[in-house]
Amino acid sequence: MSNTQILETDLILDGLGHAVLIFDSNGKLIQENLAARTLLALDIKKVQDEGWSIMPMVFDIDKGADDLDTIRKNAMMAERPVRFHVLRSGEFIPGWATALTAKTGEVMTMLTLEVVDWKI
């Protein structure tokens, strides 16, 4: 992928109103967008450093719901994105978990989360 294509992808992702977090097959965060950085605030550094393993501490899962690892496993087996929601700062945030397969065959995990703008 050329630098121009990467730049264009970054611009597109940063233009989305949903937070996007993409993890490689080893759980390392390989891409996030502006909405994700805004939603996670200072926690984005923890996710960048520690990857998927820190996610349960960053987001609380609704009691009675599947944990994030189960959601990720379900997304890996599903043909369509898997719906879930997390609790952050006292707010429920709806999201989707999706398996992405690269041309190399590596299966990555993409989380998209709604970012609520209560100012409107």
PDB file of N, CA and C in Angstrom:
ATOM      1  N   MET A   1       0.858  -1.167   0.000  1.00  0.00           N
ATOM      2  CA  MET A   1       0.000   0.000   0.000  1.00  0.00           C
ATOM      3  C   MET A   1       0.907   1.234   0.000  1.00  0.00           C
ATOM      4  N   SER A   2       0.616   2.171  -0.855  1.00  0.00           N
ATOM      5  CA  SER A   2       1.449   3.367  -0.945  1.00  0.00           C
ATOM      6  C   SER A   2       1.129   4.331   0.195  1.00  0.00           C
ATOM      7  N   ASN A   3       2.049   5.270   0.429  1.00  0.00           N
ATOM      8  CA  ASN A   3       1.829   6.279   1.471  1.00  0.00           C
ATOM      9  C   ASN A   3       0.576   7.092   1.192  1.00  0.00           C
ATOM     10  N   THR A   4       0.297   7.338  -0.092  1.00  0.00           N
ATOM     11  CA  THR A   4      -0.909   8.087  -0.448  1.00  0.00           C
ATOM     12  C   THR A   4      -2.151   7.317  -0.037  1.00  0.00           C
ATOM     13  N   GLN A   5      -2.164   5.995  -0.285  1.00  0.00           N
ATOM     14  CA  GLN A   5      -3.314   5.184   0.091  1.00  0.00           C
ATOM     15  C   GLN A   5      -3.479   5.146   1.606  1.00  0.00           C
ATOM     16  N   ILE A   6      -2.368   5.025   2.338  1.00  0.00           N
ATOM     17  CA  ILE A   6      -2.435   5.012   3.795  1.00  0.00           C
ATOM     18  C   ILE A   6      -2.985   6.336   4.295  1.00  0.00           C
ATOM     19  N   LEU A   7      -2.496   7.432   3.748  1.00  0.00           N
ATOM     20  CA  LEU A   7      -2.977   8.749   4.144  1.00  0.00           C
ATOM     21  C   LEU A   7      -4.468   8.877   3.872  1.00  0.00           C
ATOM     22  N   GLU A   8      -4.890   8.414   2.704  1.00  0.00           N
ATOM     23  CA  GLU A   8      -6.306   8.502   2.380  1.00  0.00           C
ATOM     24  C   GLU A   8      -7.138   7.666   3.344  1.00  0.00           C
ATOM     25  N   THR A   9      -6.651   6.480   3.699  1.00  0.00           N
ATOM     26  CA  THR A   9      -7.364   5.636   4.651  1.00  0.00           C
ATOM     27  C   THR A   9      -7.443   6.322   6.010  1.00  0.00           C
ATOM     28  N   ASP A  10      -6.347   6.911   6.464  1.00  0.00           N
ATOM     29  CA  ASP A  10      -6.355   7.634   7.735  1.00  0.00           C
ATOM     30  C   ASP A  10      -7.355   8.775   7.704  1.00  0.00           C
ATOM     31  N   LEU A  11      -7.383   9.521   6.608  1.00  0.00           N
ATOM     32  CA  LEU A  11      -8.329  10.637   6.497  1.00  0.00           C
ATOM     33  C   LEU A  11      -9.773  10.151   6.534  1.00  0.00           C
ATOM     34  N   ILE A  12     -10.024   9.046   5.856  1.00  0.00           N
ATOM     35  CA  ILE A  12     -11.384   8.491   5.846  1.00  0.00           C
ATOM     36  C   ILE A  12     -11.770   8.039   7.251  1.00  0.00           C
ATOM     37  N   LEU A  13     -10.895   7.287   7.904  1.00  0.00           N
ATOM     38  CA  LEU A  13     -11.200   6.808   9.260  1.00  0.00           C
ATOM     39  C   LEU A  13     -11.389   7.975  10.225  1.00  0.00           C
ATOM     40  N   ASP A  14     -10.538   8.991  10.131  1.00  0.00           N
ATOM     41  CA  ASP A  14     -10.668  10.138  11.030  1.00  0.00           C
ATOM     42  C   ASP A  14     -11.934  10.943  10.761  1.00  0.00           C
ATOM     43  N   GLY A  15     -12.498  10.807   9.578  1.00  0.00           N
ATOM     44  CA  GLY A  15     -13.736  11.511   9.253  1.00  0.00           C
ATOM     45  C   GLY A  15     -14.990  10.811   9.745  1.00  0.00           C
ATOM     46  N   LEU A  16     -14.852   9.595  10.237  1.00  0.00           N
ATOM     47  CA  LEU A  16     -16.012   8.844  10.725  1.00  0.00           C
ATOM     48  C   LEU A  16     -16.442   9.330  12.106  1.00  0.00           C
ATOM     49  N   GLY A  17     -17.720   9.267  12.378  1.00  0.00           N
ATOM     50  CA  GLY A  17     -18.245   9.612  13.689  1.00  0.00           C
ATOM     51  C   GLY A  17     -18.205   8.465  14.679  1.00  0.00           C
ATOM     52  N   HIS A  18     -17.834   7.283  14.219  1.00  0.00           N
ATOM     53  CA  HIS A  18     -17.709   6.108  15.082  1.00  0.00           C
ATOM     54  C   HIS A  18     -16.242   5.873  15.395  1.00  0.00           C
ATOM     55  N   ALA A  19     -15.980   5.420  16.610  1.00  0.00           N
ATOM     56  CA  ALA A  19     -14.625   5.051  16.993  1.00  0.00           C
ATOM     57  C   ALA A  19     -14.268   3.742  16.304  1.00  0.00           C
ATOM     58  N   VAL A  20     -13.072   3.669  15.735  1.00  0.00           N
ATOM     59  CA  VAL A  20     -12.594   2.469  15.057  1.00  0.00           C
ATOM     60  C   VAL A  20     -11.269   2.050  15.686  1.00  0.00           C
ATOM     61  N   LEU A  21     -11.208   0.792  16.118  1.00  0.00           N
ATOM     62  CA  LEU A  21      -9.986   0.203  16.671  1.00  0.00           C
ATOM     63  C   LEU A  21      -9.746  -1.104  15.926  1.00  0.00           C
ATOM     64  N   ILE A  22      -8.553  -1.268  15.336  1.00  0.00           N
ATOM     65  CA  ILE A  22      -8.235  -2.489  14.602  1.00  0.00           C
ATOM     66  C   ILE A  22      -7.029  -3.151  15.261  1.00  0.00           C
ATOM     67  N   PHE A  23      -7.194  -4.429  15.599  1.00  0.00           N
ATOM     68  CA  PHE A  23      -6.163  -5.207  16.269  1.00  0.00           C
ATOM     69  C   PHE A  23      -5.697  -6.324  15.344  1.00  0.00           C
ATOM     70  N   ASP A  24      -4.375  -6.577  15.324  1.00  0.00           N
ATOM     71  CA  ASP A  24      -3.877  -7.686  14.515  1.00  0.00           C
ATOM     72  C   ASP A  24      -4.170  -9.008  15.222  1.00  0.00           C
ATOM     73  N   SER A  25      -3.759 -10.108  14.601  1.00  0.00           N
ATOM     74  CA  SER A  25      -4.084 -11.430  15.154  1.00  0.00           C
ATOM     75  C   SER A  25      -3.405 -11.693  16.496  1.00  0.00           C
ATOM     76  N   ASN A  26      -2.373 -10.929  16.818  1.00  0.00           N
ATOM     77  CA  ASN A  26      -1.694 -11.058  18.118  1.00  0.00           C
ATOM     78  C   ASN A  26      -2.255 -10.107  19.170  1.00  0.00           C
ATOM     79  N   GLY A  27      -3.275  -9.338  18.801  1.00  0.00           N
ATOM     80  CA  GLY A  27      -3.896  -8.422  19.758  1.00  0.00           C
ATOM     81  C   GLY A  27      -3.256  -7.048  19.829  1.00  0.00           C
ATOM     82  N   LYS A  28      -2.319  -6.755  18.940  1.00  0.00           N
ATOM     83  CA  LYS A  28      -1.678  -5.439  18.921  1.00  0.00           C
ATOM     84  C   LYS A  28      -2.567  -4.454  18.169  1.00  0.00           C
ATOM     85  N   LEU A  29      -2.759  -3.272  18.744  1.00  0.00           N
ATOM     86  CA  LEU A  29      -3.532  -2.228  18.067  1.00  0.00           C
ATOM     87  C   LEU A  29      -2.718  -1.729  16.885  1.00  0.00           C
ATOM     88  N   ILE A  30      -3.277  -1.849  15.688  1.00  0.00           N
ATOM     89  CA  ILE A  30      -2.553  -1.415  14.499  1.00  0.00           C
ATOM     90  C   ILE A  30      -3.169  -0.178  13.857  1.00  0.00           C
ATOM     91  N   GLN A  31      -4.386   0.174  14.241  1.00  0.00           N
ATOM     92  CA  GLN A  31      -5.035   1.352  13.657  1.00  0.00           C
ATOM     93  C   GLN A  31      -6.115   1.837  14.610  1.00  0.00           C
ATOM     94  N   GLU A  32      -6.184   3.129  14.769  1.00  0.00           N
ATOM     95  CA  GLU A  32      -7.303   3.740  15.483  1.00  0.00           C
ATOM     96  C   GLU A  32      -7.595   5.062  14.807  1.00  0.00           C
ATOM     97  N   ASN A  33      -8.801   5.554  14.992  1.00  0.00           N
ATOM     98  CA  ASN A  33      -9.141   6.822  14.365  1.00  0.00           C
ATOM     99  C   ASN A  33      -9.325   7.914  15.418  1.00  0.00           C
ATOM    100  N   LEU A  34      -9.590   9.122  14.932  1.00  0.00           N
ATOM    101  CA  LEU A  34      -9.743  10.287  15.799  1.00  0.00           C
ATOM    102  C   LEU A  34     -10.862  10.077  16.821  1.00  0.00           C
ATOM    103  N   ALA A  35     -11.984   9.509  16.394  1.00  0.00           N
ATOM    104  CA  ALA A  35     -13.096   9.274  17.322  1.00  0.00           C
ATOM    105  C   ALA A  35     -12.683   8.308  18.434  1.00  0.00           C
ATOM    106  N   ALA A  36     -11.888   7.299  18.113  1.00  0.00           N
ATOM    107  CA  ALA A  36     -11.406   6.353  19.138  1.00  0.00           C
ATOM    108  C   ALA A  36     -10.464   7.051  20.102  1.00  0.00           C
ATOM    109  N   ARG A  37      -9.584   7.879  19.571  1.00  0.00           N
ATOM    110  CA  ARG A  37      -8.665   8.610  20.446  1.00  0.00           C
ATOM    111  C   ARG A  37      -9.439   9.557  21.360  1.00  0.00           C
ATOM    112  N   THR A  38     -10.498  10.149  20.847  1.00  0.00           N
ATOM    113  CA  THR A  38     -11.337  11.052  21.648  1.00  0.00           C
ATOM    114  C   THR A  38     -12.098  10.280  22.712  1.00  0.00           C
ATOM    115  N   LEU A  39     -12.706   9.164  22.323  1.00  0.00           N
ATOM    116  CA  LEU A  39     -13.484   8.341  23.248  1.00  0.00           C
ATOM    117  C   LEU A  39     -12.609   7.789  24.375  1.00  0.00           C
ATOM    118  N   LEU A  40     -11.433   7.310  24.032  1.00  0.00           N
ATOM    119  CA  LEU A  40     -10.574   6.675  25.023  1.00  0.00           C
ATOM    120  C   LEU A  40      -9.714   7.665  25.802  1.00  0.00           C
ATOM    121  N   ALA A  41      -9.563   8.873  25.291  1.00  0.00           N
ATOM    122  CA  ALA A  41      -8.771   9.919  25.960  1.00  0.00           C
ATOM    123  C   ALA A  41      -7.398   9.367  26.352  1.00  0.00           C
ATOM    124  N   LEU A  42      -7.022   9.478  27.601  1.00  0.00           N
ATOM    125  CA  LEU A  42      -5.701   9.036  28.043  1.00  0.00           C
ATOM    126  C   LEU A  42      -5.525   7.518  27.964  1.00  0.00           C
ATOM    127  N   ASP A  43      -6.625   6.778  27.965  1.00  0.00           N
ATOM    128  CA  ASP A  43      -6.534   5.315  27.876  1.00  0.00           C
ATOM    129  C   ASP A  43      -6.036   4.827  26.515  1.00  0.00           C
ATOM    130  N   ILE A  44      -6.063   5.677  25.488  1.00  0.00           N
ATOM    131  CA  ILE A  44      -5.593   5.239  24.172  1.00  0.00           C
ATOM    132  C   ILE A  44      -4.131   4.825  24.243  1.00  0.00           C
ATOM    133  N   LYS A  45      -3.342   5.487  25.064  1.00  0.00           N
ATOM    134  CA  LYS A  45      -1.924   5.144  25.206  1.00  0.00           C
ATOM    135  C   LYS A  45      -1.771   3.728  25.768  1.00  0.00           C
ATOM    136  N   LYS A  46      -2.618   3.380  26.749  1.00  0.00           N
ATOM    137  CA  LYS A  46      -2.584   2.022  27.308  1.00  0.00           C
ATOM    138  C   LYS A  46      -2.916   0.983  26.244  1.00  0.00           C
ATOM    139  N   VAL A  47      -3.920   1.281  25.426  1.00  0.00           N
ATOM    140  CA  VAL A  47      -4.327   0.344  24.372  1.00  0.00           C
ATOM    141  C   VAL A  47      -3.218   0.234  23.326  1.00  0.00           C
ATOM    142  N   GLN A  48      -2.587   1.355  22.976  1.00  0.00           N
ATOM    143  CA  GLN A  48      -1.479   1.318  22.023  1.00  0.00           C
ATOM    144  C   GLN A  48      -0.324   0.486  22.568  1.00  0.00           C
ATOM    145  N   ASP A  49      -0.046   0.608  23.859  1.00  0.00           N
ATOM    146  CA  ASP A  49       1.078  -0.109  24.469  1.00  0.00           C
ATOM    147  C   ASP A  49       0.776  -1.579  24.735  1.00  0.00           C
ATOM    148  N   GLU A  50      -0.428  -1.879  25.231  1.00  0.00           N
ATOM    149  CA  GLU A  50      -0.732  -3.231  25.703  1.00  0.00           C
ATOM    150  C   GLU A  50      -1.667  -4.017  24.794  1.00  0.00           C
ATOM    151  N   GLY A  51      -2.334  -3.341  23.884  1.00  0.00           N
ATOM    152  CA  GLY A  51      -3.187  -4.027  22.921  1.00  0.00           C
ATOM    153  C   GLY A  51      -4.475  -4.565  23.513  1.00  0.00           C
ATOM    154  N   TRP A  52      -4.929  -5.668  22.923  1.00  0.00           N
ATOM    155  CA  TRP A  52      -6.231  -6.252  23.269  1.00  0.00           C
ATOM    156  C   TRP A  52      -6.331  -6.593  24.750  1.00  0.00           C
ATOM    157  N   SER A  53      -5.240  -7.013  25.356  1.00  0.00           N
ATOM    158  CA  SER A  53      -5.277  -7.496  26.744  1.00  0.00           C
ATOM    159  C   SER A  53      -5.765  -6.440  27.730  1.00  0.00           C
ATOM    160  N   ILE A  54      -5.616  -5.174  27.410  1.00  0.00           N
ATOM    161  CA  ILE A  54      -6.045  -4.098  28.318  1.00  0.00           C
ATOM    162  C   ILE A  54      -7.519  -3.720  28.096  1.00  0.00           C
ATOM    163  N   MET A  55      -8.114  -4.169  27.012  1.00  0.00           N
ATOM    164  CA  MET A  55      -9.466  -3.741  26.659  1.00  0.00           C
ATOM    165  C   MET A  55     -10.516  -4.016  27.742  1.00  0.00           C
ATOM    166  N   PRO A  56     -10.487  -5.174  28.428  1.00  0.00           N
ATOM    167  CA  PRO A  56     -11.491  -5.377  29.483  1.00  0.00           C
ATOM    168  C   PRO A  56     -11.395  -4.344  30.609  1.00  0.00           C
ATOM    169  N   MET A  57     -10.229  -3.775  30.818  1.00  0.00           N
ATOM    170  CA  MET A  57     -10.080  -2.748  31.847  1.00  0.00           C
ATOM    171  C   MET A  57     -10.515  -1.372  31.345  1.00  0.00           C
ATOM    172  N   VAL A  58     -10.440  -1.179  30.035  1.00  0.00           N
ATOM    173  CA  VAL A  58     -10.820   0.099  29.436  1.00  0.00           C
ATOM    174  C   VAL A  58     -12.340   0.194  29.310  1.00  0.00           C
ATOM    175  N   PHE A  59     -12.965  -0.930  28.973  1.00  0.00           N
ATOM    176  CA  PHE A  59     -14.419  -0.985  28.816  1.00  0.00           C
ATOM    177  C   PHE A  59     -14.995  -2.024  29.756  1.00  0.00           C
ATOM    178  N   ASP A  60     -16.025  -1.645  30.486  1.00  0.00           N
ATOM    179  CA  ASP A  60     -16.777  -2.602  31.287  1.00  0.00           C
ATOM    180  C   ASP A  60     -17.872  -3.185  30.411  1.00  0.00           C
ATOM    181  N   ILE A  61     -18.013  -4.484  30.454  1.00  0.00           N
ATOM    182  CA  ILE A  61     -19.083  -5.138  29.701  1.00  0.00           C
ATOM    183  C   ILE A  61     -20.308  -5.228  30.595  1.00  0.00           C
ATOM    184  N   ASP A  62     -21.463  -5.002  30.006  1.00  0.00           N
ATOM    185  CA  ASP A  62     -22.726  -5.102  30.723  1.00  0.00           C
ATOM    186  C   ASP A  62     -22.825  -6.468  31.391  1.00  0.00           C
ATOM    187  N   LYS A  63     -23.198  -6.477  32.651  1.00  0.00           N
ATOM    188  CA  LYS A  63     -23.350  -7.737  33.385  1.00  0.00           C
ATOM    189  C   LYS A  63     -24.346  -8.628  32.662  1.00  0.00           C
ATOM    190  N   GLY A  64     -24.015  -9.885  32.558  1.00  0.00           N
ATOM    191  CA  GLY A  64     -24.888 -10.824  31.855  1.00  0.00           C
ATOM    192  C   GLY A  64     -24.549 -10.939  30.380  1.00  0.00           C
ATOM    193  N   ALA A  65     -23.713 -10.030  29.875  1.00  0.00           N
ATOM    194  CA  ALA A  65     -23.315 -10.088  28.467  1.00  0.00           C
ATOM    195  C   ALA A  65     -21.996 -10.854  28.342  1.00  0.00           C
ATOM    196  N   ASP A  66     -21.660 -11.220  27.132  1.00  0.00           N
ATOM    197  CA  ASP A  66     -20.381 -11.883  26.884  1.00  0.00           C
ATOM    198  C   ASP A  66     -19.234 -10.925  27.165  1.00  0.00           C
ATOM    199  N   ASP A  67     -18.110 -11.475  27.597  1.00  0.00           N
ATOM    200  CA  ASP A  67     -16.934 -10.626  27.785  1.00  0.00           C
ATOM    201  C   ASP A  67     -16.318 -10.314  26.416  1.00  0.00           C
ATOM    202  N   LEU A  68     -15.369  -9.393  26.389  1.00  0.00           N
ATOM    203  CA  LEU A  68     -14.786  -8.963  25.113  1.00  0.00           C
ATOM    204  C   LEU A  68     -14.096 -10.101  24.365  1.00  0.00           C
ATOM    205  N   ASP A  69     -13.447 -11.003  25.093  1.00  0.00           N
ATOM    206  CA  ASP A  69     -12.795 -12.121  24.412  1.00  0.00           C
ATOM    207  C   ASP A  69     -13.818 -13.020  23.728  1.00  0.00           C
ATOM    208  N   THR A  70     -14.943 -13.236  24.367  1.00  0.00           N
ATOM    209  CA  THR A  70     -16.012 -14.038  23.759  1.00  0.00           C
ATOM    210  C   THR A  70     -16.592 -13.316  22.558  1.00  0.00           C
ATOM    211  N   ILE A  71     -16.770 -12.013  22.684  1.00  0.00           N
ATOM    212  CA  ILE A  71     -17.280 -11.218  21.563  1.00  0.00           C
ATOM    213  C   ILE A  71     -16.314 -11.320  20.381  1.00  0.00           C
ATOM    214  N   ARG A  72     -15.014 -11.229  20.678  1.00  0.00           N
ATOM    215  CA  ARG A  72     -13.995 -11.331  19.619  1.00  0.00           C
ATOM    216  C   ARG A  72     -14.047 -12.714  18.958  1.00  0.00           C
ATOM    217  N   LYS A  73     -14.130 -13.776  19.750  1.00  0.00           N
ATOM    218  CA  LYS A  73     -14.205 -15.136  19.195  1.00  0.00           C
ATOM    219  C   LYS A  73     -15.454 -15.296  18.342  1.00  0.00           C
ATOM    220  N   ASN A  74     -16.582 -14.767  18.809  1.00  0.00           N
ATOM    221  CA  ASN A  74     -17.825 -14.842  18.038  1.00  0.00           C
ATOM    222  C   ASN A  74     -17.691 -14.108  16.708  1.00  0.00           C
ATOM    223  N   ALA A  75     -17.027 -12.957  16.728  1.00  0.00           N
ATOM    224  CA  ALA A  75     -16.827 -12.193  15.499  1.00  0.00           C
ATOM    225  C   ALA A  75     -15.962 -12.966  14.505  1.00  0.00           C
ATOM    226  N   MET A  76     -14.992 -13.719  15.022  1.00  0.00           N
ATOM    227  CA  MET A  76     -14.100 -14.499  14.158  1.00  0.00           C
ATOM    228  C   MET A  76     -14.853 -15.621  13.437  1.00  0.00           C
ATOM    229  N   MET A  77     -15.931 -16.113  14.051  1.00  0.00           N
ATOM    230  CA  MET A  77     -16.687 -17.220  13.465  1.00  0.00           C
ATOM    231  C   MET A  77     -17.906 -16.745  12.672  1.00  0.00           C
ATOM    232  N   ALA A  78     -18.283 -15.489  12.828  1.00  0.00           N
ATOM    233  CA  ALA A  78     -19.511 -14.984  12.210  1.00  0.00           C
ATOM    234  C   ALA A  78     -19.256 -14.449  10.802  1.00  0.00           C
ATOM    235  N   GLU A  79     -20.271 -14.541   9.985  1.00  0.00           N
ATOM    236  CA  GLU A  79     -20.192 -13.985   8.629  1.00  0.00           C
ATOM    237  C   GLU A  79     -20.487 -12.490   8.636  1.00  0.00           C
ATOM    238  N   ARG A  80     -21.126 -12.026   9.667  1.00  0.00           N
ATOM    239  CA  ARG A  80     -21.513 -10.618   9.776  1.00  0.00           C
ATOM    240  C   ARG A  80     -20.965 -10.049  11.071  1.00  0.00           C
ATOM    241  N   PRO A  81     -20.906  -8.731  11.197  1.00  0.00           N
ATOM    242  CA  PRO A  81     -20.453  -8.121  12.457  1.00  0.00           C
ATOM    243  C   PRO A  81     -21.326  -8.551  13.641  1.00  0.00           C
ATOM    244  N   VAL A  82     -20.699  -8.614  14.809  1.00  0.00           N
ATOM    245  CA  VAL A  82     -21.375  -9.024  16.044  1.00  0.00           C
ATOM    246  C   VAL A  82     -21.644  -7.781  16.881  1.00  0.00           C
ATOM    247  N   ARG A  83     -22.881  -7.625  17.289  1.00  0.00           N
ATOM    248  CA  ARG A  83     -23.305  -6.458  18.075  1.00  0.00           C
ATOM    249  C   ARG A  83     -22.974  -6.687  19.542  1.00  0.00           C
ATOM    250  N   PHE A  84     -22.555  -5.632  20.227  1.00  0.00           N
ATOM    251  CA  PHE A  84     -22.305  -5.677  21.666  1.00  0.00           C
ATOM    252  C   PHE A  84     -22.405  -4.258  22.216  1.00  0.00           C
ATOM    253  N   HIS A  85     -22.307  -4.130  23.516  1.00  0.00           N
ATOM    254  CA  HIS A  85     -22.194  -2.792  24.089  1.00  0.00           C
ATOM    255  C   HIS A  85     -21.314  -2.857  25.325  1.00  0.00           C
ATOM    256  N   VAL A  86     -20.688  -1.742  25.595  1.00  0.00           N
ATOM    257  CA  VAL A  86     -19.771  -1.616  26.725  1.00  0.00           C
ATOM    258  C   VAL A  86     -20.247  -0.467  27.601  1.00  0.00           C
ATOM    259  N   LEU A  87     -19.675  -0.401  28.779  1.00  0.00           N
ATOM    260  CA  LEU A  87     -19.950   0.690  29.698  1.00  0.00           C
ATOM    261  C   LEU A  87     -18.658   1.465  29.880  1.00  0.00           C
ATOM    262  N   ARG A  88     -18.702   2.758  29.645  1.00  0.00           N
ATOM    263  CA  ARG A  88     -17.530   3.614  29.838  1.00  0.00           C
ATOM    264  C   ARG A  88     -17.998   4.919  30.451  1.00  0.00           C
ATOM    265  N   SER A  89     -17.399   5.265  31.555  1.00  0.00           N
ATOM    266  CA  SER A  89     -17.739   6.513  32.255  1.00  0.00           C
ATOM    267  C   SER A  89     -19.231   6.608  32.529  1.00  0.00           C
ATOM    268  N   GLY A  90     -19.829   5.478  32.864  1.00  0.00           N
ATOM    269  CA  GLY A  90     -21.243   5.465  33.215  1.00  0.00           C
ATOM    270  C   GLY A  90     -22.203   5.469  32.039  1.00  0.00           C
ATOM    271  N   GLU A  91     -21.694   5.413  30.820  1.00  0.00           N
ATOM    272  CA  GLU A  91     -22.554   5.427  29.637  1.00  0.00           C
ATOM    273  C   GLU A  91     -22.438   4.107  28.888  1.00  0.00           C
ATOM    274  N   PHE A  92     -23.575   3.601  28.414  1.00  0.00           N
ATOM    275  CA  PHE A  92     -23.567   2.423  27.561  1.00  0.00           C
ATOM    276  C   PHE A  92     -23.241   2.868  26.144  1.00  0.00           C
ATOM    277  N   ILE A  93     -22.292   2.173  25.541  1.00  0.00           N
ATOM    278  CA  ILE A  93     -21.852   2.502  24.192  1.00  0.00           C
ATOM    279  C   ILE A  93     -22.070   1.279  23.306  1.00  0.00           C
ATOM    280  N   PRO A  94     -22.944   1.386  22.311  1.00  0.00           N
ATOM    281  CA  PRO A  94     -23.144   0.275  21.385  1.00  0.00           C
ATOM    282  C   PRO A  94     -21.950   0.141  20.446  1.00  0.00           C
ATOM    283  N   GLY A  95     -21.657  -1.104  20.070  1.00  0.00           N
ATOM    284  CA  GLY A  95     -20.542  -1.334  19.169  1.00  0.00           C
ATOM    285  C   GLY A  95     -20.730  -2.585  18.334  1.00  0.00           C
ATOM    286  N   TRP A  96     -19.798  -2.759  17.414  1.00  0.00           N
ATOM    287  CA  TRP A  96     -19.762  -3.923  16.542  1.00  0.00           C
ATOM    288  C   TRP A  96     -18.361  -4.493  16.543  1.00  0.00           C
ATOM    289  N   ALA A  97     -18.239  -5.800  16.532  1.00  0.00           N
ATOM    290  CA  ALA A  97     -16.962  -6.486  16.385  1.00  0.00           C
ATOM    291  C   ALA A  97     -16.997  -7.231  15.053  1.00  0.00           C
ATOM    292  N   THR A  98     -15.937  -7.076  14.284  1.00  0.00           N
ATOM    293  CA  THR A  98     -15.873  -7.661  12.952  1.00  0.00           C
ATOM    294  C   THR A  98     -14.517  -8.307  12.730  1.00  0.00           C
ATOM    295  N   ALA A  99     -14.501  -9.446  12.075  1.00  0.00           N
ATOM    296  CA  ALA A  99     -13.253 -10.078  11.660  1.00  0.00           C
ATOM    297  C   ALA A  99     -12.888  -9.547  10.279  1.00  0.00           C
ATOM    298  N   LEU A 100     -11.636  -9.117  10.136  1.00  0.00           N
ATOM    299  CA  LEU A 100     -11.124  -8.654   8.852  1.00  0.00           C
ATOM    300  C   LEU A 100     -10.013  -9.612   8.422  1.00  0.00           C
ATOM    301  N   THR A 101     -10.081 -10.114   7.208  1.00  0.00           N
ATOM    302  CA  THR A 101      -9.042 -11.005   6.715  1.00  0.00           C
ATOM    303  C   THR A 101      -8.202 -10.255   5.690  1.00  0.00           C
ATOM    304  N   ALA A 102      -6.908 -10.114   5.991  1.00  0.00           N
ATOM    305  CA  ALA A 102      -5.981  -9.432   5.095  1.00  0.00           C
ATOM    306  C   ALA A 102      -5.642 -10.343   3.911  1.00  0.00           C
ATOM    307  N   LYS A 103      -5.041  -9.755   2.890  1.00  0.00           N
ATOM    308  CA  LYS A 103      -4.621 -10.538   1.722  1.00  0.00           C
ATOM    309  C   LYS A 103      -3.632 -11.631   2.114  1.00  0.00           C
ATOM    310  N   THR A 104      -2.892 -11.418   3.189  1.00  0.00           N
ATOM    311  CA  THR A 104      -1.917 -12.408   3.670  1.00  0.00           C
ATOM    312  C   THR A 104      -2.583 -13.576   4.387  1.00  0.00           C
ATOM    313  N   GLY A 105      -3.893 -13.452   4.680  1.00  0.00           N
ATOM    314  CA  GLY A 105      -4.608 -14.493   5.408  1.00  0.00           C
ATOM    315  C   GLY A 105      -4.729 -14.202   6.890  1.00  0.00           C
ATOM    316  N   GLU A 106      -4.012 -13.167   7.376  1.00  0.00           N
ATOM    317  CA  GLU A 106      -4.110 -12.807   8.793  1.00  0.00           C
ATOM    318  C   GLU A 106      -5.516 -12.306   9.096  1.00  0.00           C
ATOM    319  N   VAL A 107      -6.069 -12.790  10.204  1.00  0.00           N
ATOM    320  CA  VAL A 107      -7.403 -12.362  10.621  1.00  0.00           C
ATOM    321  C   VAL A 107      -7.251 -11.351  11.752  1.00  0.00           C
ATOM    322  N   MET A 108      -7.785 -10.167  11.514  1.00  0.00           N
ATOM    323  CA  MET A 108      -7.714  -9.077  12.481  1.00  0.00           C
ATOM    324  C   MET A 108      -9.105  -8.817  13.045  1.00  0.00           C
ATOM    325  N   THR A 109      -9.141  -8.070  14.131  1.00  0.00           N
ATOM    326  CA  THR A 109     -10.406  -7.715  14.771  1.00  0.00           C
ATOM    327  C   THR A 109     -10.605  -6.215  14.684  1.00  0.00           C
ATOM    328  N   MET A 110     -11.780  -5.814  14.212  1.00  0.00           N
ATOM    329  CA  MET A 110     -12.122  -4.391  14.178  1.00  0.00           C
ATOM    330  C   MET A 110     -13.309  -4.150  15.105  1.00  0.00           C
ATOM    331  N   LEU A 111     -13.142  -3.200  16.005  1.00  0.00           N
ATOM    332  CA  LEU A 111     -14.244  -2.737  16.845  1.00  0.00           C
ATOM    333  C   LEU A 111     -14.667  -1.366  16.355  1.00  0.00           C
ATOM    334  N   THR A 112     -15.964  -1.174  16.219  1.00  0.00           N
ATOM    335  CA  THR A 112     -16.494   0.160  15.950  1.00  0.00           C
ATOM    336  C   THR A 112     -17.472   0.472  17.071  1.00  0.00           C
ATOM    337  N   LEU A 113     -17.360   1.672  17.605  1.00  0.00           N
ATOM    338  CA  LEU A 113     -18.170   2.097  18.745  1.00  0.00           C
ATOM    339  C   LEU A 113     -18.814   3.436  18.455  1.00  0.00           C
ATOM    340  N   GLU A 114     -20.065   3.575  18.855  1.00  0.00           N
ATOM    341  CA  GLU A 114     -20.740   4.852  18.683  1.00  0.00           C
ATOM    342  C   GLU A 114     -20.148   5.890  19.626  1.00  0.00           C
ATOM    343  N   VAL A 115     -19.995   7.083  19.139  1.00  0.00           N
ATOM    344  CA  VAL A 115     -19.546   8.194  19.963  1.00  0.00           C
ATOM    345  C   VAL A 115     -20.712   9.168  20.040  1.00  0.00           C
ATOM    346  N   VAL A 116     -21.296   9.254  21.215  1.00  0.00           N
ATOM    347  CA  VAL A 116     -22.495  10.076  21.391  1.00  0.00           C
ATOM    348  C   VAL A 116     -22.091  11.536  21.555  1.00  0.00           C
ATOM    349  N   ASP A 117     -22.766  12.392  20.838  1.00  0.00           N
ATOM    350  CA  ASP A 117     -22.564  13.825  20.964  1.00  0.00           C
ATOM    351  C   ASP A 117     -23.811  14.416  21.623  1.00  0.00           C
ATOM    352  N   TRP A 118     -23.752  14.590  22.922  1.00  0.00           N
ATOM    353  CA  TRP A 118     -24.916  15.074  23.664  1.00  0.00           C
ATOM    354  C   TRP A 118     -25.104  16.571  23.538  1.00  0.00           C
ATOM    355  N   LYS A 119     -24.209  17.267  22.853  1.00  0.00           N
ATOM    356  CA  LYS A 119     -24.304  18.722  22.700  1.00  0.00           C
ATOM    357  C   LYS A 119     -25.379  19.127  21.698  1.00  0.00           C
ATOM    358  N   ILE A 120     -25.747  18.185  20.825  1.00  0.00           N
ATOM    359  CA  ILE A 120     -26.735  18.516  19.768  1.00  0.00           C
ATOM    360  C   ILE A 120     -28.113  18.593  20.377  1.00  0.00           C
TER     361      ILE A 120
END
